[in-house]
């Protein structure tokens, strides 16, 4: 009976962690000089404290990108595109937030 109670407790705790919402970073990559969205740009999110790659994605054909299920913390956002200089920015992500760039 004790093992069953322990198992039930572990299942309840783990299920609540699975359903917790996470943060989202989304946006559109645009060349502001020629007013054109940049398709297939690489958007990387690195941990601020050790510069380890946390997540990355590419922008779609309209320049949109979306990074979801992110944990709260301090990050460095890097946008790379051929023939353009890299764009970097430090961002702070809080739990259950949506950061629209």
C-alpha atoms as a PDB file:
ATOM      1  CA  UNK A   1       0.000   0.000   0.000  1.00  0.00           C
ATOM      2  CA  UNK A   2       2.880   2.353   0.776  1.00  0.00           C
ATOM      3  CA  UNK A   3       4.396   1.771  -2.688  1.00  0.00           C
ATOM      4  CA  UNK A   4       1.046   2.515  -4.319  1.00  0.00           C
ATOM      5  CA  UNK A   5       0.695   5.769  -2.376  1.00  0.00           C
ATOM      6  CA  UNK A   6       4.231   6.813  -3.316  1.00  0.00           C
ATOM      7  CA  UNK A   7       3.631   5.973  -6.966  1.00  0.00           C
ATOM      8  CA  UNK A   8       0.391   7.964  -6.989  1.00  0.00           C
ATOM      9  CA  UNK A   9       2.156  10.954  -5.431  1.00  0.00           C
ATOM     10  CA  UNK A  10       4.954  10.834  -8.031  1.00  0.00           C
ATOM     11  CA  UNK A  11       2.453  10.615 -10.886  1.00  0.00           C
ATOM     12  CA  UNK A  12       0.463  13.590  -9.597  1.00  0.00           C
ATOM     13  CA  UNK A  13       3.559  15.762  -9.183  1.00  0.00           C
ATOM     14  CA  UNK A  14       4.972  14.842 -12.588  1.00  0.00           C
ATOM     15  CA  UNK A  15       1.646  15.451 -14.350  1.00  0.00           C
ATOM     16  CA  UNK A  16       1.411  18.949 -12.885  1.00  0.00           C
ATOM     17  CA  UNK A  17       4.901  19.696 -14.208  1.00  0.00           C
ATOM     18  CA  UNK A  18       3.948  18.491 -17.682  1.00  0.00           C
ATOM     19  CA  UNK A  19       0.981  20.839 -17.876  1.00  0.00           C
ATOM     20  CA  UNK A  20       2.793  23.944 -16.673  1.00  0.00           C
ATOM     21  CA  UNK A  21       2.918  26.581 -19.375  1.00  0.00           C
ATOM     22  CA  UNK A  22       6.195  27.898 -20.673  1.00  0.00           C
ATOM     23  CA  UNK A  23       7.265  31.165 -22.249  1.00  0.00           C
ATOM     24  CA  UNK A  24       7.250  32.040 -25.973  1.00  0.00           C
ATOM     25  CA  UNK A  25       9.510  34.314 -28.040  1.00  0.00           C
ATOM     26  CA  UNK A  26       8.195  35.200 -31.482  1.00  0.00           C
ATOM     27  CA  UNK A  27       8.664  37.895 -34.081  1.00  0.00           C
ATOM     28  CA  UNK A  28       9.357  38.893 -37.664  1.00  0.00           C
ATOM     29  CA  UNK A  29      12.834  39.329 -39.168  1.00  0.00           C
ATOM     30  CA  UNK A  30      12.811  42.413 -41.394  1.00  0.00           C
ATOM     31  CA  UNK A  31      15.367  44.475 -43.305  1.00  0.00           C
ATOM     32  CA  UNK A  32      14.207  47.954 -42.305  1.00  0.00           C
ATOM     33  CA  UNK A  33      16.148  49.678 -45.091  1.00  0.00           C
ATOM     34  CA  UNK A  34      14.468  47.938 -48.028  1.00  0.00           C
ATOM     35  CA  UNK A  35      11.295  47.011 -46.076  1.00  0.00           C
ATOM     36  CA  UNK A  36      11.586  43.294 -46.844  1.00  0.00           C
ATOM     37  CA  UNK A  37      11.066  40.328 -44.539  1.00  0.00           C
ATOM     38  CA  UNK A  38      14.009  37.924 -44.437  1.00  0.00           C
ATOM     39  CA  UNK A  39      13.136  34.294 -45.013  1.00  0.00           C
ATOM     40  CA  UNK A  40      15.172  31.424 -43.563  1.00  0.00           C
ATOM     41  CA  UNK A  41      17.156  33.581 -41.121  1.00  0.00           C
ATOM     42  CA  UNK A  42      18.619  31.643 -38.180  1.00  0.00           C
ATOM     43  CA  UNK A  43      17.374  32.689 -34.748  1.00  0.00           C
ATOM     44  CA  UNK A  44      19.451  31.305 -31.864  1.00  0.00           C
ATOM     45  CA  UNK A  45      18.799  31.566 -28.142  1.00  0.00           C
ATOM     46  CA  UNK A  46      21.857  31.116 -25.909  1.00  0.00           C
ATOM     47  CA  UNK A  47      21.990  30.943 -22.130  1.00  0.00           C
ATOM     48  CA  UNK A  48      23.461  34.206 -20.865  1.00  0.00           C
ATOM     49  CA  UNK A  49      25.613  32.721 -18.105  1.00  0.00           C
ATOM     50  CA  UNK A  50      27.575  30.199 -20.205  1.00  0.00           C
ATOM     51  CA  UNK A  51      26.688  30.929 -23.881  1.00  0.00           C
ATOM     52  CA  UNK A  52      25.430  27.402 -24.481  1.00  0.00           C
ATOM     53  CA  UNK A  53      22.884  27.067 -27.271  1.00  0.00           C
ATOM     54  CA  UNK A  54      19.451  26.595 -25.684  1.00  0.00           C
ATOM     55  CA  UNK A  55      17.142  26.641 -28.747  1.00  0.00           C
ATOM     56  CA  UNK A  56      17.206  27.722 -32.369  1.00  0.00           C
ATOM     57  CA  UNK A  57      14.858  28.000 -35.320  1.00  0.00           C
ATOM     58  CA  UNK A  58      14.627  29.488 -38.789  1.00  0.00           C
ATOM     59  CA  UNK A  59      12.243  32.148 -39.991  1.00  0.00           C
ATOM     60  CA  UNK A  60       9.573  31.035 -42.448  1.00  0.00           C
ATOM     61  CA  UNK A  61       8.978  32.398 -45.978  1.00  0.00           C
ATOM     62  CA  UNK A  62       7.354  35.535 -44.518  1.00  0.00           C
ATOM     63  CA  UNK A  63      10.124  36.172 -41.962  1.00  0.00           C
ATOM     64  CA  UNK A  64       8.107  34.917 -38.957  1.00  0.00           C
ATOM     65  CA  UNK A  65       9.695  32.852 -36.197  1.00  0.00           C
ATOM     66  CA  UNK A  66       8.461  31.229 -32.989  1.00  0.00           C
ATOM     67  CA  UNK A  67      10.399  29.691 -30.107  1.00  0.00           C
ATOM     68  CA  UNK A  68       8.046  28.044 -27.603  1.00  0.00           C
ATOM     69  CA  UNK A  69       8.221  26.020 -24.381  1.00  0.00           C
ATOM     70  CA  UNK A  70      11.070  28.171 -23.050  1.00  0.00           C
ATOM     71  CA  UNK A  71      12.153  28.191 -19.436  1.00  0.00           C
ATOM     72  CA  UNK A  72      12.468  31.455 -17.527  1.00  0.00           C
ATOM     73  CA  UNK A  73      15.936  33.008 -17.463  1.00  0.00           C
ATOM     74  CA  UNK A  74      18.411  35.403 -19.023  1.00  0.00           C
ATOM     75  CA  UNK A  75      19.328  34.724 -22.646  1.00  0.00           C
ATOM     76  CA  UNK A  76      21.183  36.158 -25.630  1.00  0.00           C
ATOM     77  CA  UNK A  77      19.165  36.250 -28.866  1.00  0.00           C
ATOM     78  CA  UNK A  78      21.214  36.075 -32.082  1.00  0.00           C
ATOM     79  CA  UNK A  79      19.779  36.530 -35.587  1.00  0.00           C
ATOM     80  CA  UNK A  80      22.009  35.468 -38.487  1.00  0.00           C
ATOM     81  CA  UNK A  81      21.419  35.965 -42.200  1.00  0.00           C
ATOM     82  CA  UNK A  82      23.868  35.676 -45.132  1.00  0.00           C
ATOM     83  CA  UNK A  83      25.536  38.969 -46.174  1.00  0.00           C
ATOM     84  CA  UNK A  84      24.142  40.731 -43.056  1.00  0.00           C
ATOM     85  CA  UNK A  85      25.867  41.422 -39.757  1.00  0.00           C
ATOM     86  CA  UNK A  86      24.545  39.311 -36.872  1.00  0.00           C
ATOM     87  CA  UNK A  87      21.984  40.968 -34.614  1.00  0.00           C
ATOM     88  CA  UNK A  88      22.361  40.241 -30.896  1.00  0.00           C
ATOM     89  CA  UNK A  89      20.230  41.274 -27.950  1.00  0.00           C
ATOM     90  CA  UNK A  90      20.030  40.263 -24.300  1.00  0.00           C
ATOM     91  CA  UNK A  91      16.516  39.259 -23.258  1.00  0.00           C
ATOM     92  CA  UNK A  92      14.894  38.206 -20.006  1.00  0.00           C
ATOM     93  CA  UNK A  93      12.186  35.562 -20.177  1.00  0.00           C
ATOM     94  CA  UNK A  94       9.704  35.115 -17.361  1.00  0.00           C
ATOM     95  CA  UNK A  95       7.396  32.144 -16.790  1.00  0.00           C
ATOM     96  CA  UNK A  96       4.276  32.043 -18.989  1.00  0.00           C
ATOM     97  CA  UNK A  97       5.254  35.202 -20.873  1.00  0.00           C
ATOM     98  CA  UNK A  98       5.117  35.965 -24.584  1.00  0.00           C
ATOM     99  CA  UNK A  99       7.849  38.187 -25.948  1.00  0.00           C
ATOM    100  CA  UNK A 100       6.916  39.594 -29.372  1.00  0.00           C
ATOM    101  CA  UNK A 101       9.921  41.017 -31.216  1.00  0.00           C
END
